[in-house]
N, C-alpha and C. Protein backbone atom coordinates (compact mmCIF):
# COMPACT_ATOMS: atom_id res chain seq x y z
N MET A 1 16.06 -1.34 -1.11
CA MET A 1 15.54 -2.59 -0.61
C MET A 1 16.28 -2.98 0.66
N GLN A 2 15.59 -3.61 1.57
CA GLN A 2 16.23 -4.11 2.77
C GLN A 2 17.13 -5.30 2.43
N THR A 3 16.73 -6.11 1.46
CA THR A 3 17.60 -7.17 0.94
C THR A 3 17.71 -6.92 -0.56
N THR A 4 18.81 -7.34 -1.13
CA THR A 4 19.02 -7.10 -2.55
C THR A 4 18.11 -8.00 -3.37
N ALA A 5 17.46 -7.42 -4.36
CA ALA A 5 16.63 -8.23 -5.26
C ALA A 5 17.55 -9.07 -6.12
N GLN A 6 17.15 -10.30 -6.34
CA GLN A 6 17.89 -11.16 -7.26
C GLN A 6 17.46 -10.80 -8.66
N ILE A 7 18.42 -10.43 -9.49
CA ILE A 7 18.13 -10.09 -10.88
C ILE A 7 18.82 -11.14 -11.74
N GLU A 8 18.02 -11.84 -12.54
CA GLU A 8 18.54 -12.94 -13.34
C GLU A 8 18.23 -12.72 -14.82
N PHE A 9 19.18 -13.13 -15.65
CA PHE A 9 19.01 -13.07 -17.10
C PHE A 9 19.17 -14.49 -17.62
N GLU A 10 18.15 -14.98 -18.32
CA GLU A 10 18.19 -16.35 -18.83
C GLU A 10 18.15 -16.34 -20.36
N ASN A 11 19.05 -17.09 -20.95
CA ASN A 11 19.11 -17.26 -22.39
C ASN A 11 19.46 -15.97 -23.12
N LEU A 12 20.09 -15.04 -22.42
CA LEU A 12 20.55 -13.80 -23.05
C LEU A 12 21.63 -13.15 -22.20
N ALA A 13 22.51 -12.44 -22.87
CA ALA A 13 23.51 -11.64 -22.16
C ALA A 13 22.84 -10.31 -21.81
N PRO A 14 22.96 -9.87 -20.55
CA PRO A 14 22.27 -8.62 -20.19
C PRO A 14 22.84 -7.44 -20.96
N PRO A 15 22.01 -6.74 -21.71
CA PRO A 15 22.48 -5.57 -22.44
C PRO A 15 22.84 -4.44 -21.48
N PRO A 16 23.72 -3.54 -21.89
CA PRO A 16 24.09 -2.42 -21.02
C PRO A 16 22.86 -1.61 -20.61
N GLY A 17 22.81 -1.25 -19.36
CA GLY A 17 21.73 -0.40 -18.86
C GLY A 17 20.49 -1.14 -18.39
N LEU A 18 20.37 -2.44 -18.70
CA LEU A 18 19.15 -3.15 -18.32
C LEU A 18 19.06 -3.34 -16.81
N GLN A 19 20.16 -3.71 -16.18
CA GLN A 19 20.15 -3.88 -14.73
C GLN A 19 19.83 -2.54 -14.06
N ALA A 20 20.39 -1.45 -14.57
CA ALA A 20 20.12 -0.12 -14.01
C ALA A 20 18.64 0.24 -14.17
N ALA A 21 18.02 -0.15 -15.30
CA ALA A 21 16.59 0.12 -15.51
C ALA A 21 15.75 -0.64 -14.49
N ILE A 22 16.13 -1.88 -14.21
CA ILE A 22 15.41 -2.68 -13.21
C ILE A 22 15.54 -2.04 -11.84
N GLU A 23 16.76 -1.66 -11.46
CA GLU A 23 17.00 -1.05 -10.15
C GLU A 23 16.26 0.28 -10.02
N ARG A 24 16.18 1.06 -11.11
CA ARG A 24 15.46 2.34 -11.09
C ARG A 24 13.97 2.09 -10.85
N ASN A 25 13.40 1.09 -11.53
CA ASN A 25 11.98 0.77 -11.35
C ASN A 25 11.69 0.30 -9.93
N ILE A 26 12.56 -0.52 -9.36
CA ILE A 26 12.37 -0.97 -7.98
C ILE A 26 12.40 0.24 -7.04
N SER A 27 13.35 1.13 -7.26
CA SER A 27 13.46 2.33 -6.42
C SER A 27 12.19 3.19 -6.50
N GLU A 28 11.65 3.35 -7.72
CA GLU A 28 10.42 4.14 -7.88
C GLU A 28 9.25 3.49 -7.15
N LEU A 29 9.16 2.15 -7.20
CA LEU A 29 8.09 1.46 -6.47
C LEU A 29 8.25 1.66 -4.97
N GLU A 30 9.49 1.60 -4.49
CA GLU A 30 9.73 1.77 -3.06
C GLU A 30 9.37 3.17 -2.58
N GLN A 31 9.54 4.17 -3.43
CA GLN A 31 9.15 5.52 -3.06
C GLN A 31 7.64 5.62 -2.85
N LEU A 32 6.88 4.83 -3.61
CA LEU A 32 5.42 4.86 -3.50
C LEU A 32 4.87 3.93 -2.43
N TYR A 33 5.49 2.74 -2.27
CA TYR A 33 4.89 1.69 -1.45
C TYR A 33 5.75 1.22 -0.29
N GLY A 34 6.90 1.83 -0.07
CA GLY A 34 7.77 1.41 1.01
C GLY A 34 8.84 0.44 0.51
N ARG A 35 9.80 0.19 1.39
CA ARG A 35 10.96 -0.62 1.01
C ARG A 35 10.60 -2.09 0.82
N ALA A 36 11.04 -2.63 -0.32
CA ALA A 36 10.81 -4.05 -0.60
C ALA A 36 11.67 -4.89 0.34
N THR A 37 11.11 -5.99 0.81
CA THR A 37 11.85 -6.84 1.74
C THR A 37 12.47 -8.04 1.03
N ALA A 38 11.99 -8.39 -0.14
CA ALA A 38 12.55 -9.49 -0.92
C ALA A 38 12.13 -9.30 -2.37
N GLY A 39 12.89 -9.89 -3.27
CA GLY A 39 12.50 -9.77 -4.67
C GLY A 39 13.35 -10.59 -5.60
N ARG A 40 12.72 -10.97 -6.72
CA ARG A 40 13.42 -11.66 -7.81
C ARG A 40 12.84 -11.16 -9.11
N ILE A 41 13.71 -10.69 -9.97
CA ILE A 41 13.31 -10.23 -11.29
C ILE A 41 14.08 -11.09 -12.30
N THR A 42 13.34 -11.69 -13.23
CA THR A 42 13.96 -12.54 -14.24
C THR A 42 13.59 -12.02 -15.62
N VAL A 43 14.60 -11.85 -16.47
CA VAL A 43 14.38 -11.48 -17.87
C VAL A 43 14.88 -12.67 -18.69
N ARG A 44 13.98 -13.24 -19.48
CA ARG A 44 14.28 -14.48 -20.19
C ARG A 44 13.95 -14.32 -21.67
N ALA A 45 14.90 -14.66 -22.52
CA ALA A 45 14.64 -14.67 -23.96
C ALA A 45 14.00 -16.01 -24.30
N ALA A 46 12.87 -15.97 -24.96
CA ALA A 46 12.20 -17.21 -25.38
C ALA A 46 12.72 -17.55 -26.78
N GLY A 47 13.21 -18.75 -26.94
CA GLY A 47 13.73 -19.16 -28.25
C GLY A 47 15.16 -18.70 -28.42
N ASP A 48 15.54 -18.45 -29.65
CA ASP A 48 16.90 -18.06 -29.99
C ASP A 48 17.14 -16.60 -29.63
N PRO A 49 18.04 -16.31 -28.65
CA PRO A 49 18.25 -14.92 -28.23
C PRO A 49 18.85 -14.04 -29.32
N ARG A 50 19.41 -14.66 -30.37
CA ARG A 50 20.00 -13.85 -31.46
C ARG A 50 18.94 -13.40 -32.45
N GLU A 51 17.75 -13.97 -32.35
CA GLU A 51 16.68 -13.61 -33.27
C GLU A 51 16.08 -12.27 -32.85
N PRO A 52 16.11 -11.26 -33.75
CA PRO A 52 15.68 -9.91 -33.36
C PRO A 52 14.20 -9.77 -33.07
N ASP A 53 13.36 -10.66 -33.61
CA ASP A 53 11.93 -10.50 -33.39
C ASP A 53 11.36 -11.63 -32.52
N GLY A 54 12.20 -12.17 -31.65
CA GLY A 54 11.74 -13.21 -30.73
C GLY A 54 10.92 -12.60 -29.60
N GLN A 55 10.60 -13.42 -28.62
CA GLN A 55 9.85 -12.93 -27.47
C GLN A 55 10.74 -12.89 -26.24
N CYS A 56 10.33 -12.06 -25.30
CA CYS A 56 11.06 -11.92 -24.05
C CYS A 56 10.04 -11.99 -22.91
N ASP A 57 10.37 -12.76 -21.87
CA ASP A 57 9.51 -12.86 -20.69
C ASP A 57 10.17 -12.10 -19.55
N VAL A 58 9.39 -11.27 -18.89
CA VAL A 58 9.87 -10.55 -17.70
C VAL A 58 9.00 -11.01 -16.54
N SER A 59 9.65 -11.51 -15.50
CA SER A 59 8.94 -11.99 -14.31
C SER A 59 9.39 -11.15 -13.12
N ILE A 60 8.42 -10.61 -12.38
CA ILE A 60 8.72 -9.75 -11.23
C ILE A 60 8.01 -10.31 -10.01
N ARG A 61 8.77 -10.61 -9.00
CA ARG A 61 8.22 -11.04 -7.70
C ARG A 61 8.84 -10.13 -6.64
N LEU A 62 7.98 -9.41 -5.93
CA LEU A 62 8.45 -8.51 -4.87
C LEU A 62 7.56 -8.66 -3.65
N ALA A 63 8.18 -8.56 -2.48
CA ALA A 63 7.45 -8.49 -1.21
C ALA A 63 7.60 -7.06 -0.70
N LEU A 64 6.47 -6.42 -0.46
CA LEU A 64 6.44 -5.03 -0.02
C LEU A 64 5.83 -4.96 1.38
N PRO A 65 5.94 -3.81 2.05
CA PRO A 65 5.35 -3.67 3.39
C PRO A 65 3.85 -3.94 3.40
N ASN A 66 3.33 -4.16 4.60
CA ASN A 66 1.91 -4.38 4.84
C ASN A 66 1.38 -5.63 4.14
N GLY A 67 2.24 -6.62 3.97
CA GLY A 67 1.82 -7.89 3.40
C GLY A 67 1.55 -7.86 1.91
N ARG A 68 1.91 -6.80 1.23
CA ARG A 68 1.68 -6.73 -0.22
C ARG A 68 2.73 -7.56 -0.94
N GLU A 69 2.26 -8.34 -1.88
CA GLU A 69 3.15 -9.14 -2.71
C GLU A 69 2.79 -8.92 -4.16
N VAL A 70 3.80 -8.90 -5.00
CA VAL A 70 3.61 -8.73 -6.43
C VAL A 70 4.21 -9.94 -7.12
N ASN A 71 3.45 -10.52 -8.04
CA ASN A 71 3.94 -11.64 -8.84
C ASN A 71 3.39 -11.44 -10.25
N ILE A 72 4.19 -10.84 -11.11
CA ILE A 72 3.74 -10.46 -12.45
C ILE A 72 4.62 -11.13 -13.50
N GLY A 73 3.99 -11.68 -14.51
CA GLY A 73 4.71 -12.18 -15.67
C GLY A 73 4.29 -11.37 -16.88
N TRP A 74 5.22 -11.01 -17.73
CA TRP A 74 4.93 -10.16 -18.87
C TRP A 74 5.72 -10.66 -20.05
N THR A 75 5.06 -10.96 -21.15
CA THR A 75 5.72 -11.41 -22.37
C THR A 75 5.58 -10.33 -23.42
N VAL A 76 6.71 -9.98 -24.03
CA VAL A 76 6.69 -8.94 -25.07
C VAL A 76 7.43 -9.46 -26.30
N LYS A 77 6.99 -9.00 -27.44
CA LYS A 77 7.67 -9.30 -28.69
C LYS A 77 8.83 -8.31 -28.81
N ARG A 78 9.99 -8.82 -29.12
CA ARG A 78 11.16 -7.96 -29.28
C ARG A 78 11.10 -7.35 -30.67
N ASP A 79 10.78 -6.05 -30.71
CA ASP A 79 10.68 -5.32 -31.97
C ASP A 79 11.45 -4.02 -31.82
N GLU A 80 11.22 -3.06 -32.70
CA GLU A 80 11.95 -1.79 -32.63
C GLU A 80 11.76 -1.11 -31.28
N ARG A 81 10.54 -1.13 -30.76
CA ARG A 81 10.25 -0.46 -29.50
C ARG A 81 10.93 -1.14 -28.32
N ASN A 82 11.03 -2.47 -28.37
CA ASN A 82 11.58 -3.24 -27.26
C ASN A 82 12.96 -3.81 -27.58
N ALA A 83 13.67 -3.23 -28.54
CA ALA A 83 14.94 -3.78 -28.98
C ALA A 83 15.97 -3.85 -27.85
N ASP A 84 16.03 -2.85 -26.98
CA ASP A 84 17.04 -2.86 -25.92
C ASP A 84 16.53 -3.51 -24.64
N LEU A 85 15.31 -4.00 -24.64
CA LEU A 85 14.66 -4.68 -23.52
C LEU A 85 14.34 -3.76 -22.34
N SER A 86 14.90 -2.57 -22.27
CA SER A 86 14.57 -1.66 -21.17
C SER A 86 13.10 -1.28 -21.20
N SER A 87 12.55 -1.07 -22.40
CA SER A 87 11.12 -0.70 -22.46
C SER A 87 10.25 -1.89 -22.08
N ALA A 88 10.70 -3.13 -22.37
CA ALA A 88 9.95 -4.31 -21.94
C ALA A 88 9.92 -4.39 -20.42
N VAL A 89 11.06 -4.10 -19.79
CA VAL A 89 11.13 -4.09 -18.32
C VAL A 89 10.25 -2.97 -17.78
N ASP A 90 10.30 -1.79 -18.41
CA ASP A 90 9.45 -0.68 -17.96
C ASP A 90 7.97 -1.05 -18.07
N ASP A 91 7.58 -1.72 -19.19
CA ASP A 91 6.19 -2.16 -19.35
C ASP A 91 5.78 -3.13 -18.24
N ALA A 92 6.67 -4.06 -17.90
CA ALA A 92 6.36 -5.02 -16.83
C ALA A 92 6.19 -4.30 -15.49
N PHE A 93 7.06 -3.34 -15.21
CA PHE A 93 6.93 -2.60 -13.95
C PHE A 93 5.70 -1.70 -13.97
N ASN A 94 5.30 -1.19 -15.14
CA ASN A 94 4.03 -0.44 -15.23
C ASN A 94 2.87 -1.35 -14.89
N ARG A 95 2.95 -2.61 -15.29
CA ARG A 95 1.91 -3.59 -14.93
C ARG A 95 1.88 -3.79 -13.42
N VAL A 96 3.06 -3.83 -12.80
CA VAL A 96 3.14 -3.95 -11.33
C VAL A 96 2.44 -2.76 -10.69
N ARG A 97 2.76 -1.55 -11.17
CA ARG A 97 2.13 -0.35 -10.62
C ARG A 97 0.62 -0.40 -10.78
N SER A 98 0.15 -0.86 -11.94
CA SER A 98 -1.28 -0.97 -12.18
C SER A 98 -1.93 -1.93 -11.19
N HIS A 99 -1.30 -3.07 -10.95
CA HIS A 99 -1.85 -4.03 -9.99
C HIS A 99 -1.86 -3.46 -8.58
N LEU A 100 -0.82 -2.75 -8.21
CA LEU A 100 -0.78 -2.16 -6.87
C LEU A 100 -1.86 -1.09 -6.71
N ARG A 101 -2.10 -0.31 -7.78
CA ARG A 101 -3.18 0.68 -7.73
C ARG A 101 -4.52 -0.03 -7.60
N GLU A 102 -4.67 -1.16 -8.30
CA GLU A 102 -5.92 -1.92 -8.21
C GLU A 102 -6.12 -2.43 -6.79
N ASP A 103 -5.05 -2.90 -6.16
CA ASP A 103 -5.14 -3.35 -4.77
C ASP A 103 -5.62 -2.21 -3.89
N GLU A 104 -5.08 -1.00 -4.13
CA GLU A 104 -5.52 0.16 -3.33
C GLU A 104 -7.00 0.43 -3.54
N HIS A 105 -7.47 0.32 -4.79
CA HIS A 105 -8.90 0.53 -5.05
C HIS A 105 -9.72 -0.52 -4.34
N LEU A 106 -9.28 -1.78 -4.41
CA LEU A 106 -10.06 -2.87 -3.83
C LEU A 106 -10.13 -2.80 -2.32
N ILE A 107 -9.09 -2.27 -1.69
CA ILE A 107 -9.15 -2.14 -0.23
C ILE A 107 -9.57 -0.74 0.18
N GLY A 108 -10.01 0.02 -0.81
CA GLY A 108 -10.57 1.33 -0.53
C GLY A 108 -9.54 2.38 -0.18
N SER A 109 -8.30 2.18 -0.56
CA SER A 109 -7.24 3.15 -0.28
C SER A 109 -7.24 3.57 1.19
N GLY A 110 -7.49 2.60 2.07
CA GLY A 110 -7.46 2.88 3.50
C GLY A 110 -8.78 3.40 4.05
N GLN A 111 -9.77 3.58 3.21
CA GLN A 111 -11.06 4.06 3.68
C GLN A 111 -12.00 2.87 3.83
N THR A 112 -12.48 2.64 5.01
CA THR A 112 -13.33 1.47 5.26
C THR A 112 -14.60 1.53 4.44
N GLY A 113 -14.93 0.39 3.84
CA GLY A 113 -16.19 0.28 3.12
C GLY A 113 -16.19 0.88 1.74
N SER A 114 -15.13 1.54 1.32
CA SER A 114 -15.11 2.16 0.01
C SER A 114 -14.57 1.17 -1.02
N ARG A 115 -15.36 0.86 -2.06
CA ARG A 115 -14.93 -0.06 -3.11
C ARG A 115 -15.33 0.52 -4.46
N GLU A 116 -14.51 0.26 -5.45
CA GLU A 116 -14.82 0.71 -6.81
C GLU A 116 -15.88 -0.21 -7.41
N VAL A 117 -16.64 0.30 -8.36
CA VAL A 117 -17.69 -0.46 -9.01
C VAL A 117 -17.12 -1.14 -10.26
N GLU A 118 -17.29 -2.46 -10.34
CA GLU A 118 -16.86 -3.19 -11.52
C GLU A 118 -17.94 -3.07 -12.58
N ARG A 119 -17.56 -2.70 -13.78
CA ARG A 119 -18.51 -2.51 -14.88
C ARG A 119 -18.25 -3.55 -15.97
N VAL A 120 -19.18 -3.69 -16.90
CA VAL A 120 -19.03 -4.62 -18.01
C VAL A 120 -19.13 -3.82 -19.31
N GLY A 121 -18.26 -4.14 -20.25
CA GLY A 121 -18.26 -3.47 -21.54
C GLY A 121 -17.79 -4.42 -22.63
N THR A 122 -17.59 -3.87 -23.82
CA THR A 122 -17.17 -4.65 -24.98
C THR A 122 -15.97 -3.98 -25.62
N ALA A 123 -14.96 -4.77 -25.98
CA ALA A 123 -13.80 -4.23 -26.69
C ALA A 123 -14.23 -3.84 -28.10
N VAL A 124 -14.00 -2.58 -28.49
CA VAL A 124 -14.42 -2.14 -29.82
C VAL A 124 -13.25 -1.82 -30.74
N ARG A 125 -12.11 -1.46 -30.19
CA ARG A 125 -10.92 -1.20 -31.01
C ARG A 125 -9.68 -1.61 -30.23
N ILE A 126 -8.71 -2.23 -30.93
CA ILE A 126 -7.44 -2.61 -30.33
C ILE A 126 -6.33 -2.07 -31.23
N ASP A 127 -5.36 -1.42 -30.64
CA ASP A 127 -4.20 -0.91 -31.37
C ASP A 127 -3.50 -2.08 -32.06
N PRO A 128 -3.09 -1.92 -33.34
CA PRO A 128 -2.40 -3.02 -34.03
C PRO A 128 -1.15 -3.52 -33.28
N GLY A 129 -0.51 -2.65 -32.52
CA GLY A 129 0.65 -3.05 -31.73
C GLY A 129 0.27 -3.68 -30.41
N ARG A 130 -1.03 -3.79 -30.14
CA ARG A 130 -1.58 -4.41 -28.94
C ARG A 130 -1.11 -3.73 -27.65
N GLN A 131 -0.91 -2.40 -27.71
CA GLN A 131 -0.50 -1.65 -26.53
C GLN A 131 -1.68 -1.00 -25.81
N PHE A 132 -2.77 -0.74 -26.54
CA PHE A 132 -3.94 -0.11 -25.94
C PHE A 132 -5.17 -0.41 -26.79
N GLY A 133 -6.31 -0.02 -26.27
CA GLY A 133 -7.55 -0.21 -27.01
C GLY A 133 -8.66 0.63 -26.41
N PHE A 134 -9.88 0.41 -26.91
CA PHE A 134 -11.03 1.13 -26.41
C PHE A 134 -12.17 0.15 -26.14
N LEU A 135 -12.86 0.40 -25.05
CA LEU A 135 -14.03 -0.38 -24.66
C LEU A 135 -15.26 0.47 -24.85
N LYS A 136 -16.40 -0.17 -25.11
CA LYS A 136 -17.67 0.55 -25.14
C LYS A 136 -18.41 0.16 -23.88
N SER A 137 -18.79 1.17 -23.11
CA SER A 137 -19.49 0.92 -21.85
C SER A 137 -20.96 0.62 -22.12
N ALA A 138 -21.68 0.25 -21.07
CA ALA A 138 -23.11 -0.05 -21.17
C ALA A 138 -23.89 1.16 -21.69
N ASN A 139 -23.39 2.38 -21.41
CA ASN A 139 -24.08 3.58 -21.89
C ASN A 139 -23.46 4.12 -23.19
N ASN A 140 -22.78 3.22 -23.95
CA ASN A 140 -22.19 3.51 -25.27
C ASN A 140 -21.07 4.55 -25.26
N GLN A 141 -20.41 4.73 -24.15
CA GLN A 141 -19.26 5.63 -24.07
C GLN A 141 -17.99 4.83 -24.34
N GLU A 142 -17.09 5.38 -25.19
CA GLU A 142 -15.82 4.70 -25.44
C GLU A 142 -14.83 5.07 -24.35
N ILE A 143 -14.17 4.06 -23.81
CA ILE A 143 -13.23 4.26 -22.70
C ILE A 143 -11.90 3.63 -23.07
N TYR A 144 -10.83 4.39 -22.93
CA TYR A 144 -9.47 3.94 -23.23
C TYR A 144 -9.01 2.91 -22.20
N PHE A 145 -8.21 1.93 -22.63
CA PHE A 145 -7.51 1.05 -21.69
C PHE A 145 -6.13 0.74 -22.24
N SER A 146 -5.19 0.58 -21.35
CA SER A 146 -3.83 0.17 -21.70
C SER A 146 -3.76 -1.34 -21.52
N CYS A 147 -3.02 -2.01 -22.36
CA CYS A 147 -2.92 -3.47 -22.24
C CYS A 147 -2.24 -3.89 -20.94
N ILE A 148 -1.52 -2.98 -20.28
CA ILE A 148 -0.94 -3.34 -18.98
C ILE A 148 -2.00 -3.36 -17.89
N SER A 149 -3.21 -2.88 -18.21
CA SER A 149 -4.31 -2.92 -17.25
C SER A 149 -5.10 -4.23 -17.31
N VAL A 150 -4.74 -5.11 -18.24
CA VAL A 150 -5.42 -6.40 -18.35
C VAL A 150 -4.84 -7.31 -17.27
N LEU A 151 -5.70 -7.83 -16.41
CA LEU A 151 -5.24 -8.58 -15.24
C LEU A 151 -4.65 -9.94 -15.56
N GLU A 152 -5.16 -10.63 -16.55
CA GLU A 152 -4.62 -11.95 -16.89
C GLU A 152 -3.39 -11.74 -17.75
N ALA A 153 -2.21 -12.11 -17.21
CA ALA A 153 -0.97 -11.95 -17.95
C ALA A 153 -1.06 -12.73 -19.26
N GLY A 154 -0.75 -12.06 -20.35
CA GLY A 154 -0.74 -12.71 -21.65
C GLY A 154 -2.11 -12.85 -22.29
N ALA A 155 -3.17 -12.39 -21.63
CA ALA A 155 -4.52 -12.51 -22.20
C ALA A 155 -4.63 -11.61 -23.43
N GLU A 156 -5.20 -12.14 -24.47
CA GLU A 156 -5.41 -11.38 -25.70
C GLU A 156 -6.87 -10.93 -25.72
N ILE A 157 -7.09 -9.66 -25.86
CA ILE A 157 -8.46 -9.16 -25.96
C ILE A 157 -8.77 -8.95 -27.43
N ALA A 158 -9.81 -9.59 -27.91
CA ALA A 158 -10.23 -9.45 -29.30
C ALA A 158 -11.38 -8.45 -29.38
N VAL A 159 -11.50 -7.80 -30.54
CA VAL A 159 -12.63 -6.91 -30.76
C VAL A 159 -13.91 -7.73 -30.61
N GLY A 160 -14.86 -7.21 -29.86
CA GLY A 160 -16.12 -7.89 -29.61
C GLY A 160 -16.14 -8.66 -28.29
N ALA A 161 -14.96 -8.81 -27.64
CA ALA A 161 -14.91 -9.55 -26.37
C ALA A 161 -15.60 -8.75 -25.27
N ARG A 162 -16.36 -9.46 -24.42
CA ARG A 162 -16.96 -8.83 -23.25
C ARG A 162 -15.90 -8.81 -22.14
N VAL A 163 -15.80 -7.69 -21.46
CA VAL A 163 -14.82 -7.54 -20.39
C VAL A 163 -15.45 -6.85 -19.19
N SER A 164 -14.86 -7.09 -18.03
CA SER A 164 -15.23 -6.29 -16.86
C SER A 164 -14.06 -5.35 -16.60
N TYR A 165 -14.33 -4.23 -15.95
CA TYR A 165 -13.29 -3.23 -15.70
C TYR A 165 -13.75 -2.28 -14.61
N ILE A 166 -12.82 -1.48 -14.15
CA ILE A 166 -13.11 -0.40 -13.20
C ILE A 166 -12.73 0.90 -13.89
N GLU A 167 -13.59 1.89 -13.78
CA GLU A 167 -13.30 3.20 -14.38
C GLU A 167 -12.43 4.02 -13.44
N GLU A 168 -11.48 4.74 -14.05
CA GLU A 168 -10.60 5.62 -13.29
C GLU A 168 -10.43 6.89 -14.11
N LEU A 169 -10.33 8.01 -13.46
CA LEU A 169 -10.10 9.26 -14.15
C LEU A 169 -8.60 9.39 -14.41
N GLY A 170 -8.21 9.36 -15.68
CA GLY A 170 -6.81 9.51 -16.07
C GLY A 170 -6.53 10.94 -16.49
N GLU A 171 -5.32 11.16 -17.02
CA GLU A 171 -4.93 12.51 -17.45
C GLU A 171 -5.81 13.03 -18.57
N ASP A 172 -6.26 12.13 -19.47
CA ASP A 172 -7.05 12.55 -20.63
C ASP A 172 -8.51 12.11 -20.56
N GLY A 173 -9.01 11.89 -19.36
CA GLY A 173 -10.40 11.47 -19.21
C GLY A 173 -10.51 10.08 -18.61
N LEU A 174 -11.69 9.47 -18.77
CA LEU A 174 -11.91 8.14 -18.20
C LEU A 174 -11.03 7.10 -18.86
N GLN A 175 -10.56 6.16 -18.06
CA GLN A 175 -9.84 5.01 -18.58
C GLN A 175 -10.24 3.79 -17.79
N ALA A 176 -10.09 2.63 -18.41
CA ALA A 176 -10.45 1.37 -17.78
C ALA A 176 -9.20 0.75 -17.17
N ILE A 177 -9.34 0.28 -15.91
CA ILE A 177 -8.25 -0.42 -15.25
C ILE A 177 -8.82 -1.75 -14.74
N ALA A 178 -7.95 -2.65 -14.33
CA ALA A 178 -8.37 -3.97 -13.83
C ALA A 178 -9.28 -4.65 -14.85
N VAL A 179 -8.85 -4.66 -16.11
CA VAL A 179 -9.65 -5.23 -17.20
C VAL A 179 -9.54 -6.76 -17.16
N LYS A 180 -10.69 -7.44 -17.17
CA LYS A 180 -10.74 -8.91 -17.18
C LYS A 180 -11.59 -9.36 -18.35
N VAL A 181 -11.09 -10.32 -19.11
CA VAL A 181 -11.85 -10.87 -20.24
C VAL A 181 -12.91 -11.81 -19.68
N LEU A 182 -14.17 -11.58 -20.07
CA LEU A 182 -15.28 -12.44 -19.63
C LEU A 182 -15.54 -13.54 -20.64
N ASP A 183 -15.41 -13.24 -21.94
CA ASP A 183 -15.56 -14.23 -23.00
C ASP A 183 -14.87 -13.68 -24.25
N GLN A 184 -14.69 -14.50 -25.22
CA GLN A 184 -14.06 -14.06 -26.48
C GLN A 184 -15.05 -14.12 -27.63
């Protein structure tokens, strides 16, 4: 970074390795999108920080080259997967990457006039851990989506909800990105 990102921990003592995980994620973003010019990352325990199954909020604000700005809030339940909070931070930064990829799609990745087609589908299955799910497209095809691809921070997608999304070819086939809840 050209300036040091402010990293803050609220209502919790920073566990070992958490600051390093944040710095690693910032470095990975800079390799893809250029050097960040400003930033603030806040990790906040909601409620009693000694409670093992409480919630944690991760807030990421970064200014990147070419006028790109990131402002993401991510709330995760502290469970076995997120016990050390590093995976919660990684999930929040994955959300940042998803939003930046969406921005590239929306501006056509530098190609004038090229835009992705927004589609409408229905949520048909949601992972009990709320990490991923499947949508049914208008042509009855099931399409995977990750919950980090949901644009409204903290939005809960229920089975049967109508959503809009953009299709992208992932490693294992089609996946939905830029998922927006239309109704519940």
